[in-house]
Amino acid sequence: MSRRWTDEDVERLRERYPSTPTQELAEELGRGVLAVHQKACSLGIKKDFDGRFVDGQPGVCTRFQPGQMPANRAPIGTLRINADGYLDRKISATGYPPADWCALHRLVWIEAHGPVPAGHVVVFKPGRRTTQIEDITLDAVELVTRQELMARNTVHRYPKEVALAIQARGALVRQINKRADQ
């Protein structure tokens, strides 16, 4: 059963909560950390900092010391096969994967021609897609517009009868998979 908050407890909370670690204040008040947070919230009391941890902030500890890196952090130049089945190379170490990794076939094209123009993508030529590094060469890739890529990947490039058959097959496969999952 919880104790009622006395006027003295509330006054101490108002004075100390903004700048005191909650764990320390909870021990002083003889209450749980959650109870202290909830009472502060109900009174509209907030911490002095904006919620982000900064270097040197008391009570903040991390697993890594300055300069240390986690064991699973890949060095720049590392190759991997991404979720879409393309070979990627790590090109930076920002900690933000979309910026750190780039498809190798795209890098091959950029090395030869410079940046990819807006509205264009680098793709493998038909039948040339691979994850073998020695086969990812300039003659295996090409630059196409996004519109061309959409046309290549849409079912509507086929005659109407073929497109309908493809869609019917997809519907059938979905039904089979649904029943298999039951």
N, C-alpha and C. Protein backbone atom coordinates (compact mmCIF):
# COMPACT_ATOMS: atom_id res chain seq x y z
N MET A 1 0.84 -1.18 0.00
CA MET A 1 0.00 0.00 0.00
C MET A 1 0.88 1.24 0.00
N SER A 2 0.54 2.22 -0.83
CA SER A 2 1.38 3.40 -0.95
C SER A 2 1.06 4.44 0.11
N ARG A 3 2.09 5.21 0.46
CA ARG A 3 1.92 6.30 1.44
C ARG A 3 1.38 7.53 0.73
N ARG A 4 0.66 8.34 1.45
CA ARG A 4 0.18 9.60 0.90
C ARG A 4 1.35 10.58 0.86
N TRP A 5 1.33 11.47 -0.11
CA TRP A 5 2.36 12.50 -0.23
C TRP A 5 2.05 13.61 0.76
N THR A 6 3.01 13.90 1.64
CA THR A 6 2.83 15.01 2.59
C THR A 6 3.21 16.31 1.90
N ASP A 7 2.81 17.42 2.51
CA ASP A 7 3.17 18.72 1.96
C ASP A 7 4.69 18.89 1.91
N GLU A 8 5.39 18.35 2.93
CA GLU A 8 6.85 18.45 2.96
C GLU A 8 7.48 17.63 1.81
N ASP A 9 6.91 16.44 1.54
CA ASP A 9 7.40 15.61 0.44
C ASP A 9 7.23 16.33 -0.90
N VAL A 10 6.07 16.93 -1.09
CA VAL A 10 5.79 17.64 -2.35
C VAL A 10 6.72 18.83 -2.50
N GLU A 11 6.97 19.55 -1.40
CA GLU A 11 7.86 20.71 -1.45
C GLU A 11 9.28 20.27 -1.82
N ARG A 12 9.75 19.16 -1.19
CA ARG A 12 11.09 18.65 -1.50
C ARG A 12 11.17 18.21 -2.97
N LEU A 13 10.08 17.57 -3.46
CA LEU A 13 10.03 17.14 -4.85
C LEU A 13 10.13 18.35 -5.78
N ARG A 14 9.37 19.41 -5.49
CA ARG A 14 9.40 20.63 -6.32
C ARG A 14 10.80 21.26 -6.35
N GLU A 15 11.48 21.26 -5.21
CA GLU A 15 12.80 21.88 -5.12
C GLU A 15 13.89 21.04 -5.79
N ARG A 16 13.84 19.73 -5.61
CA ARG A 16 14.98 18.89 -5.99
C ARG A 16 14.81 18.10 -7.27
N TYR A 17 13.58 17.83 -7.70
CA TYR A 17 13.37 16.97 -8.87
C TYR A 17 14.06 17.50 -10.14
N PRO A 18 13.99 18.81 -10.44
CA PRO A 18 14.58 19.28 -11.70
C PRO A 18 16.07 19.00 -11.84
N SER A 19 16.82 19.02 -10.73
CA SER A 19 18.27 18.91 -10.86
C SER A 19 18.88 17.70 -10.16
N THR A 20 18.06 16.87 -9.54
CA THR A 20 18.57 15.71 -8.79
C THR A 20 18.23 14.43 -9.54
N PRO A 21 19.17 13.48 -9.62
CA PRO A 21 18.84 12.19 -10.23
C PRO A 21 17.64 11.58 -9.51
N THR A 22 16.70 11.07 -10.26
CA THR A 22 15.45 10.57 -9.70
C THR A 22 15.69 9.44 -8.71
N GLN A 23 16.64 8.57 -8.99
CA GLN A 23 16.95 7.46 -8.08
C GLN A 23 17.35 7.99 -6.71
N GLU A 24 18.20 9.01 -6.70
CA GLU A 24 18.67 9.61 -5.44
C GLU A 24 17.51 10.24 -4.67
N LEU A 25 16.66 10.97 -5.38
CA LEU A 25 15.51 11.61 -4.74
C LEU A 25 14.52 10.58 -4.22
N ALA A 26 14.31 9.50 -4.96
CA ALA A 26 13.40 8.45 -4.53
C ALA A 26 13.90 7.82 -3.22
N GLU A 27 15.21 7.61 -3.09
CA GLU A 27 15.77 7.06 -1.85
C GLU A 27 15.57 8.03 -0.69
N GLU A 28 15.77 9.33 -0.94
CA GLU A 28 15.58 10.34 0.11
C GLU A 28 14.13 10.35 0.59
N LEU A 29 13.20 10.20 -0.34
CA LEU A 29 11.78 10.27 0.00
C LEU A 29 11.22 8.93 0.47
N GLY A 30 12.01 7.87 0.33
CA GLY A 30 11.54 6.54 0.72
C GLY A 30 10.44 6.02 -0.19
N ARG A 31 10.56 6.34 -1.49
CA ARG A 31 9.55 5.94 -2.47
C ARG A 31 10.25 5.31 -3.68
N GLY A 32 9.45 4.67 -4.53
CA GLY A 32 9.99 4.10 -5.74
C GLY A 32 10.24 5.17 -6.80
N VAL A 33 11.12 4.87 -7.74
CA VAL A 33 11.44 5.81 -8.82
C VAL A 33 10.19 6.14 -9.63
N LEU A 34 9.39 5.12 -9.93
CA LEU A 34 8.17 5.33 -10.72
C LEU A 34 7.20 6.26 -9.99
N ALA A 35 7.07 6.09 -8.68
CA ALA A 35 6.17 6.95 -7.91
C ALA A 35 6.63 8.40 -7.96
N VAL A 36 7.94 8.62 -7.89
CA VAL A 36 8.49 9.98 -7.95
C VAL A 36 8.23 10.58 -9.33
N HIS A 37 8.49 9.81 -10.38
CA HIS A 37 8.23 10.30 -11.74
C HIS A 37 6.75 10.66 -11.92
N GLN A 38 5.88 9.77 -11.47
CA GLN A 38 4.45 10.00 -11.66
C GLN A 38 3.97 11.23 -10.90
N LYS A 39 4.44 11.42 -9.68
CA LYS A 39 4.02 12.59 -8.89
C LYS A 39 4.55 13.87 -9.54
N ALA A 40 5.80 13.84 -10.00
CA ALA A 40 6.37 15.02 -10.67
C ALA A 40 5.56 15.35 -11.92
N CYS A 41 5.20 14.33 -12.67
CA CYS A 41 4.41 14.53 -13.89
C CYS A 41 3.05 15.14 -13.56
N SER A 42 2.40 14.62 -12.51
CA SER A 42 1.07 15.13 -12.15
C SER A 42 1.14 16.58 -11.67
N LEU A 43 2.30 16.99 -11.13
CA LEU A 43 2.49 18.37 -10.68
C LEU A 43 3.05 19.27 -11.78
N GLY A 44 3.40 18.67 -12.91
CA GLY A 44 3.95 19.45 -14.02
C GLY A 44 5.40 19.83 -13.83
N ILE A 45 6.12 19.09 -13.01
CA ILE A 45 7.54 19.37 -12.75
C ILE A 45 8.37 18.60 -13.76
N LYS A 46 9.35 19.28 -14.34
CA LYS A 46 10.21 18.65 -15.34
C LYS A 46 11.67 18.76 -14.92
N LYS A 47 12.49 17.91 -15.54
CA LYS A 47 13.93 17.96 -15.32
C LYS A 47 14.49 19.21 -16.01
N ASP A 48 15.64 19.72 -15.52
CA ASP A 48 16.26 20.91 -16.10
C ASP A 48 16.76 20.68 -17.51
N PHE A 49 17.28 19.48 -17.81
CA PHE A 49 17.80 19.21 -19.14
C PHE A 49 16.66 18.76 -20.04
N ASP A 50 16.89 18.77 -21.38
CA ASP A 50 15.82 18.49 -22.34
C ASP A 50 15.62 17.00 -22.60
N GLY A 51 16.15 16.15 -21.74
CA GLY A 51 15.94 14.72 -21.89
C GLY A 51 17.06 13.99 -22.61
N ARG A 52 17.98 14.74 -23.22
CA ARG A 52 19.10 14.10 -23.91
C ARG A 52 20.28 14.03 -22.97
N PHE A 53 21.01 12.93 -23.01
CA PHE A 53 22.18 12.79 -22.18
C PHE A 53 23.35 13.49 -22.83
N VAL A 54 24.14 14.15 -22.02
CA VAL A 54 25.31 14.86 -22.52
C VAL A 54 26.54 14.34 -21.78
N ASP A 55 27.72 14.52 -22.38
CA ASP A 55 28.95 14.08 -21.74
C ASP A 55 29.11 14.76 -20.39
N GLY A 56 29.52 13.98 -19.42
CA GLY A 56 29.77 14.52 -18.10
C GLY A 56 28.54 14.68 -17.24
N GLN A 57 27.37 14.35 -17.73
CA GLN A 57 26.15 14.48 -16.93
C GLN A 57 26.20 13.46 -15.80
N PRO A 58 26.00 13.89 -14.56
CA PRO A 58 26.09 12.94 -13.45
C PRO A 58 25.03 11.85 -13.56
N GLY A 59 25.41 10.64 -13.16
CA GLY A 59 24.45 9.55 -13.15
C GLY A 59 24.27 8.86 -14.49
N VAL A 60 24.97 9.31 -15.53
CA VAL A 60 24.83 8.70 -16.85
C VAL A 60 26.06 7.85 -17.11
N CYS A 61 25.85 6.58 -17.37
CA CYS A 61 26.99 5.74 -17.72
C CYS A 61 26.63 4.95 -18.97
N THR A 62 27.59 4.69 -19.77
CA THR A 62 27.37 3.93 -21.00
C THR A 62 28.27 2.72 -20.99
N ARG A 63 27.98 1.80 -21.87
CA ARG A 63 28.76 0.58 -21.96
C ARG A 63 30.13 0.85 -22.58
N PHE A 64 30.21 1.83 -23.49
CA PHE A 64 31.45 2.08 -24.21
C PHE A 64 32.13 3.35 -23.70
N GLN A 65 33.42 3.27 -23.55
CA GLN A 65 34.21 4.44 -23.19
C GLN A 65 34.51 5.23 -24.46
N PRO A 66 34.89 6.51 -24.34
CA PRO A 66 35.21 7.29 -25.53
C PRO A 66 36.26 6.59 -26.38
N GLY A 67 35.99 6.51 -27.68
CA GLY A 67 36.92 5.87 -28.61
C GLY A 67 36.70 4.39 -28.80
N GLN A 68 35.93 3.76 -27.92
CA GLN A 68 35.66 2.33 -28.08
C GLN A 68 34.52 2.12 -29.07
N MET A 69 34.56 1.04 -29.79
CA MET A 69 33.51 0.69 -30.76
C MET A 69 32.98 -0.71 -30.42
N PRO A 70 31.71 -0.96 -30.70
CA PRO A 70 31.18 -2.29 -30.46
C PRO A 70 31.86 -3.33 -31.36
N ALA A 71 31.87 -4.57 -30.91
CA ALA A 71 32.56 -5.64 -31.63
C ALA A 71 31.93 -5.91 -32.99
N ASN A 72 30.63 -5.63 -33.15
CA ASN A 72 29.97 -5.92 -34.42
C ASN A 72 30.01 -4.75 -35.40
N ARG A 73 30.77 -3.73 -35.11
CA ARG A 73 30.87 -2.58 -36.01
C ARG A 73 31.83 -2.92 -37.14
N ALA A 74 31.32 -2.87 -38.36
CA ALA A 74 32.13 -3.25 -39.52
C ALA A 74 33.01 -2.07 -39.96
N PRO A 75 34.25 -2.33 -40.31
CA PRO A 75 35.12 -1.25 -40.79
C PRO A 75 34.72 -0.80 -42.20
N ILE A 76 35.10 0.42 -42.55
CA ILE A 76 34.84 0.94 -43.89
C ILE A 76 35.52 0.03 -44.89
N GLY A 77 34.80 -0.27 -45.99
CA GLY A 77 35.32 -1.17 -47.02
C GLY A 77 34.75 -2.58 -46.91
N THR A 78 34.06 -2.87 -45.81
CA THR A 78 33.45 -4.18 -45.62
C THR A 78 32.36 -4.42 -46.66
N LEU A 79 32.24 -5.66 -47.12
CA LEU A 79 31.18 -6.03 -48.06
C LEU A 79 30.12 -6.84 -47.34
N ARG A 80 28.86 -6.69 -47.77
CA ARG A 80 27.76 -7.47 -47.23
C ARG A 80 26.71 -7.64 -48.31
N ILE A 81 25.85 -8.65 -48.17
CA ILE A 81 24.71 -8.80 -49.05
C ILE A 81 23.51 -8.25 -48.28
N ASN A 82 22.85 -7.24 -48.85
CA ASN A 82 21.74 -6.59 -48.14
C ASN A 82 20.46 -7.41 -48.25
N ALA A 83 19.40 -6.92 -47.63
CA ALA A 83 18.12 -7.64 -47.58
C ALA A 83 17.51 -7.83 -48.96
N ASP A 84 17.87 -6.99 -49.92
CA ASP A 84 17.34 -7.12 -51.29
C ASP A 84 18.21 -8.01 -52.17
N GLY A 85 19.30 -8.53 -51.60
CA GLY A 85 20.15 -9.45 -52.35
C GLY A 85 21.24 -8.78 -53.18
N TYR A 86 21.53 -7.51 -52.91
CA TYR A 86 22.60 -6.80 -53.62
C TYR A 86 23.85 -6.76 -52.75
N LEU A 87 25.01 -6.70 -53.38
CA LEU A 87 26.27 -6.59 -52.67
C LEU A 87 26.52 -5.13 -52.34
N ASP A 88 26.69 -4.83 -51.04
CA ASP A 88 26.94 -3.47 -50.57
C ASP A 88 28.36 -3.35 -50.06
N ARG A 89 28.88 -2.11 -50.09
CA ARG A 89 30.19 -1.81 -49.49
C ARG A 89 29.98 -0.69 -48.48
N LYS A 90 30.62 -0.81 -47.32
CA LYS A 90 30.53 0.24 -46.32
C LYS A 90 31.44 1.39 -46.76
N ILE A 91 30.85 2.60 -46.85
CA ILE A 91 31.61 3.73 -47.37
C ILE A 91 31.86 4.82 -46.33
N SER A 92 31.16 4.76 -45.18
CA SER A 92 31.38 5.73 -44.11
C SER A 92 30.99 5.08 -42.79
N ALA A 93 31.27 5.79 -41.69
CA ALA A 93 30.98 5.24 -40.36
C ALA A 93 30.20 6.24 -39.52
N THR A 94 29.09 6.74 -40.07
CA THR A 94 28.27 7.71 -39.34
C THR A 94 27.40 7.04 -38.28
N GLY A 95 27.17 5.74 -38.41
CA GLY A 95 26.27 5.04 -37.52
C GLY A 95 24.84 5.02 -38.05
N TYR A 96 24.63 5.63 -39.21
CA TYR A 96 23.31 5.64 -39.85
C TYR A 96 23.42 4.77 -41.10
N PRO A 97 22.93 3.49 -41.03
CA PRO A 97 23.17 2.54 -42.12
C PRO A 97 22.81 3.02 -43.53
N PRO A 98 21.69 3.71 -43.76
CA PRO A 98 21.42 4.12 -45.14
C PRO A 98 22.51 5.02 -45.73
N ALA A 99 23.21 5.76 -44.88
CA ALA A 99 24.28 6.62 -45.38
C ALA A 99 25.63 5.89 -45.40
N ASP A 100 25.76 4.84 -44.58
CA ASP A 100 27.03 4.15 -44.45
C ASP A 100 27.28 3.10 -45.52
N TRP A 101 26.22 2.54 -46.11
CA TRP A 101 26.36 1.45 -47.07
C TRP A 101 25.85 1.88 -48.44
N CYS A 102 26.51 1.42 -49.49
CA CYS A 102 26.10 1.73 -50.86
C CYS A 102 26.26 0.47 -51.70
N ALA A 103 25.31 0.25 -52.61
CA ALA A 103 25.37 -0.92 -53.49
C ALA A 103 26.64 -0.84 -54.35
N LEU A 104 27.34 -1.95 -54.44
CA LEU A 104 28.61 -1.98 -55.17
C LEU A 104 28.42 -1.65 -56.64
N HIS A 105 27.33 -2.11 -57.27
CA HIS A 105 27.12 -1.81 -58.69
C HIS A 105 26.94 -0.30 -58.90
N ARG A 106 26.35 0.36 -57.92
CA ARG A 106 26.20 1.83 -57.99
C ARG A 106 27.57 2.50 -57.86
N LEU A 107 28.41 1.99 -56.96
CA LEU A 107 29.75 2.56 -56.78
C LEU A 107 30.60 2.39 -58.04
N VAL A 108 30.44 1.26 -58.73
CA VAL A 108 31.19 1.02 -59.97
C VAL A 108 30.81 2.07 -61.01
N TRP A 109 29.52 2.35 -61.13
CA TRP A 109 29.06 3.33 -62.11
C TRP A 109 29.53 4.73 -61.72
N ILE A 110 29.43 5.09 -60.43
CA ILE A 110 29.84 6.42 -59.95
C ILE A 110 31.34 6.63 -60.19
N GLU A 111 32.14 5.59 -59.97
CA GLU A 111 33.58 5.71 -60.18
C GLU A 111 33.91 6.07 -61.62
N ALA A 112 33.14 5.53 -62.56
CA ALA A 112 33.42 5.77 -63.98
C ALA A 112 32.77 7.05 -64.50
N HIS A 113 31.58 7.41 -63.98
CA HIS A 113 30.81 8.51 -64.58
C HIS A 113 30.48 9.66 -63.64
N GLY A 114 30.78 9.55 -62.37
CA GLY A 114 30.43 10.61 -61.42
C GLY A 114 29.06 10.35 -60.79
N PRO A 115 28.53 11.36 -60.09
CA PRO A 115 27.27 11.16 -59.36
C PRO A 115 26.11 10.75 -60.26
N VAL A 116 25.19 9.99 -59.68
CA VAL A 116 23.99 9.56 -60.41
C VAL A 116 23.06 10.76 -60.53
N PRO A 117 22.63 11.12 -61.76
CA PRO A 117 21.75 12.27 -61.92
C PRO A 117 20.40 12.06 -61.22
N ALA A 118 19.78 13.14 -60.84
CA ALA A 118 18.46 13.08 -60.19
C ALA A 118 17.48 12.40 -61.14
N GLY A 119 16.60 11.58 -60.59
CA GLY A 119 15.59 10.90 -61.39
C GLY A 119 16.10 9.67 -62.12
N HIS A 120 17.32 9.26 -61.82
CA HIS A 120 17.93 8.09 -62.46
C HIS A 120 18.39 7.09 -61.41
N VAL A 121 18.57 5.85 -61.81
CA VAL A 121 19.11 4.80 -60.94
C VAL A 121 20.09 3.95 -61.73
N VAL A 122 21.01 3.34 -61.00
CA VAL A 122 21.96 2.41 -61.62
C VAL A 122 21.43 1.01 -61.36
N VAL A 123 21.28 0.23 -62.42
CA VAL A 123 20.76 -1.13 -62.31
C VAL A 123 21.66 -2.08 -63.09
N PHE A 124 21.53 -3.36 -62.78
CA PHE A 124 22.20 -4.37 -63.58
C PHE A 124 21.47 -4.50 -64.91
N LYS A 125 22.21 -4.75 -65.96
CA LYS A 125 21.57 -5.05 -67.25
C LYS A 125 20.82 -6.36 -67.10
N PRO A 126 19.76 -6.56 -67.89
CA PRO A 126 18.97 -7.80 -67.76
C PRO A 126 19.85 -9.05 -67.83
N GLY A 127 19.65 -9.93 -66.84
CA GLY A 127 20.39 -11.19 -66.80
C GLY A 127 21.78 -11.09 -66.22
N ARG A 128 22.23 -9.92 -65.79
CA ARG A 128 23.60 -9.74 -65.31
C ARG A 128 23.70 -9.55 -63.78
N ARG A 129 22.56 -9.58 -63.07
CA ARG A 129 22.60 -9.34 -61.62
C ARG A 129 23.39 -10.44 -60.94
N THR A 130 24.28 -10.03 -60.01
CA THR A 130 25.15 -10.96 -59.32
C THR A 130 25.63 -10.38 -58.00
N THR A 131 26.12 -11.24 -57.12
CA THR A 131 26.79 -10.79 -55.90
C THR A 131 28.27 -11.14 -55.94
N GLN A 132 28.72 -11.66 -57.08
CA GLN A 132 30.15 -12.00 -57.24
C GLN A 132 30.90 -10.71 -57.59
N ILE A 133 31.81 -10.31 -56.72
CA ILE A 133 32.49 -9.01 -56.87
C ILE A 133 33.21 -8.89 -58.21
N GLU A 134 33.79 -9.99 -58.70
CA GLU A 134 34.54 -9.91 -59.97
C GLU A 134 33.60 -9.74 -61.17
N ASP A 135 32.31 -10.06 -61.03
CA ASP A 135 31.36 -9.91 -62.13
C ASP A 135 30.62 -8.57 -62.12
N ILE A 136 30.82 -7.78 -61.07
CA ILE A 136 30.18 -6.47 -61.00
C ILE A 136 31.13 -5.46 -61.65
N THR A 137 30.96 -5.33 -62.96
CA THR A 137 31.83 -4.46 -63.75
C THR A 137 30.98 -3.41 -64.46
N LEU A 138 31.64 -2.43 -65.04
CA LEU A 138 30.93 -1.34 -65.70
C LEU A 138 30.05 -1.83 -66.84
N ASP A 139 30.48 -2.89 -67.54
CA ASP A 139 29.67 -3.38 -68.66
C ASP A 139 28.45 -4.20 -68.18
N ALA A 140 28.35 -4.46 -66.86
CA ALA A 140 27.21 -5.21 -66.33
C ALA A 140 26.12 -4.29 -65.79
N VAL A 141 26.40 -2.97 -65.71
CA VAL A 141 25.42 -2.04 -65.14
C VAL A 141 25.06 -0.96 -66.16
N GLU A 142 23.92 -0.33 -65.89
CA GLU A 142 23.50 0.77 -66.76
C GLU A 142 22.69 1.77 -65.96
N LEU A 143 22.63 2.99 -66.49
CA LEU A 143 21.86 4.06 -65.88
C LEU A 143 20.52 4.15 -66.60
N VAL A 144 19.43 4.11 -65.83
CA VAL A 144 18.09 4.23 -66.42
C VAL A 144 17.30 5.26 -65.62
N THR A 145 16.27 5.82 -66.24
CA THR A 145 15.41 6.73 -65.51
C THR A 145 14.50 5.90 -64.61
N ARG A 146 13.94 6.54 -63.61
CA ARG A 146 13.01 5.85 -62.73
C ARG A 146 11.78 5.39 -63.51
N GLN A 147 11.41 6.16 -64.52
CA GLN A 147 10.26 5.78 -65.36
C GLN A 147 10.57 4.49 -66.14
N GLU A 148 11.79 4.40 -66.69
CA GLU A 148 12.17 3.18 -67.39
C GLU A 148 12.20 1.98 -66.43
N LEU A 149 12.70 2.20 -65.22
CA LEU A 149 12.76 1.12 -64.25
C LEU A 149 11.35 0.63 -63.89
N MET A 150 10.42 1.57 -63.72
CA MET A 150 9.05 1.18 -63.42
C MET A 150 8.46 0.35 -64.57
N ALA A 151 8.72 0.79 -65.79
CA ALA A 151 8.19 0.06 -66.95
C ALA A 151 8.78 -1.36 -67.01
N ARG A 152 10.06 -1.52 -66.64
CA ARG A 152 10.69 -2.84 -66.64
C ARG A 152 10.08 -3.75 -65.58
N ASN A 153 9.66 -3.16 -64.48
CA ASN A 153 9.22 -3.97 -63.34
C ASN A 153 7.71 -4.10 -63.23
N THR A 154 6.96 -3.61 -64.19
CA THR A 154 5.52 -3.68 -64.10
C THR A 154 4.98 -4.83 -64.94
N VAL A 155 3.88 -5.38 -64.51
CA VAL A 155 3.24 -6.48 -65.21
C VAL A 155 2.58 -5.99 -66.51
N HIS A 156 2.33 -4.70 -66.59
CA HIS A 156 1.61 -4.14 -67.73
C HIS A 156 2.43 -4.05 -69.01
N ARG A 157 3.69 -4.43 -68.94
CA ARG A 157 4.50 -4.45 -70.16
C ARG A 157 4.16 -5.65 -71.04
N TYR A 158 3.45 -6.63 -70.45
CA TYR A 158 3.06 -7.83 -71.18
C TYR A 158 1.70 -7.63 -71.86
N PRO A 159 1.39 -8.48 -72.83
CA PRO A 159 0.03 -8.44 -73.42
C PRO A 159 -1.00 -8.68 -72.31
N LYS A 160 -2.20 -8.16 -72.49
CA LYS A 160 -3.24 -8.21 -71.46
C LYS A 160 -3.48 -9.61 -70.93
N GLU A 161 -3.53 -10.61 -71.82
CA GLU A 161 -3.80 -11.97 -71.39
C GLU A 161 -2.70 -12.50 -70.47
N VAL A 162 -1.46 -12.20 -70.80
CA VAL A 162 -0.32 -12.65 -69.99
C VAL A 162 -0.33 -11.94 -68.64
N ALA A 163 -0.60 -10.64 -68.66
CA ALA A 163 -0.66 -9.87 -67.41
C ALA A 163 -1.73 -10.43 -66.49
N LEU A 164 -2.89 -10.75 -67.03
CA LEU A 164 -3.97 -11.31 -66.22
C LEU A 164 -3.58 -12.69 -65.65
N ALA A 165 -2.88 -13.49 -66.45
CA ALA A 165 -2.43 -14.80 -65.98
C ALA A 165 -1.43 -14.65 -64.84
N ILE A 166 -0.54 -13.69 -64.95
CA ILE A 166 0.45 -13.44 -63.89
C ILE A 166 -0.26 -13.02 -62.60
N GLN A 167 -1.25 -12.12 -62.72
CA GLN A 167 -1.99 -11.68 -61.55
C GLN A 167 -2.79 -12.83 -60.93
N ALA A 168 -3.39 -13.69 -61.75
CA ALA A 168 -4.15 -14.83 -61.25
C ALA A 168 -3.23 -15.81 -60.52
N ARG A 169 -2.04 -16.02 -61.07
CA ARG A 169 -1.07 -16.91 -60.42
C ARG A 169 -0.68 -16.36 -59.05
N GLY A 170 -0.45 -15.05 -58.98
CA GLY A 170 -0.11 -14.41 -57.70
C GLY A 170 -1.21 -14.59 -56.68
N ALA A 171 -2.47 -14.41 -57.12
CA ALA A 171 -3.61 -14.59 -56.21
C ALA A 171 -3.69 -16.03 -55.72
N LEU A 172 -3.45 -16.99 -56.61
CA LEU A 172 -3.48 -18.40 -56.25
C LEU A 172 -2.37 -18.73 -55.24
N VAL A 173 -1.17 -18.23 -55.47
CA VAL A 173 -0.05 -18.47 -54.56
C VAL A 173 -0.35 -17.89 -53.18
N ARG A 174 -0.94 -16.68 -53.13
CA ARG A 174 -1.31 -16.09 -51.84
C ARG A 174 -2.31 -16.95 -51.09
N GLN A 175 -3.30 -17.49 -51.80
CA GLN A 175 -4.30 -18.36 -51.15
C GLN A 175 -3.66 -19.65 -50.63
N ILE A 176 -2.77 -20.22 -51.41
CA ILE A 176 -2.09 -21.45 -50.98
C ILE A 176 -1.25 -21.15 -49.73
N ASN A 177 -0.53 -20.05 -49.74
CA ASN A 177 0.30 -19.69 -48.59
C ASN A 177 -0.54 -19.40 -47.36
N LYS A 178 -1.68 -18.77 -47.55
CA LYS A 178 -2.56 -18.47 -46.43
C LYS A 178 -3.03 -19.76 -45.78
N ARG A 179 -3.43 -20.75 -46.59
CA ARG A 179 -3.91 -22.02 -46.05
C ARG A 179 -2.76 -22.83 -45.43
N ALA A 180 -1.59 -22.71 -45.99
CA ALA A 180 -0.43 -23.42 -45.45
C ALA A 180 -0.04 -22.87 -44.08
N ASP A 181 -0.29 -21.59 -43.84
CA ASP A 181 0.06 -20.95 -42.55
C ASP A 181 -0.95 -21.29 -41.46
N GLN A 182 -2.13 -21.81 -41.81
CA GLN A 182 -3.16 -22.08 -40.81
C GLN A 182 -2.88 -23.33 -40.05
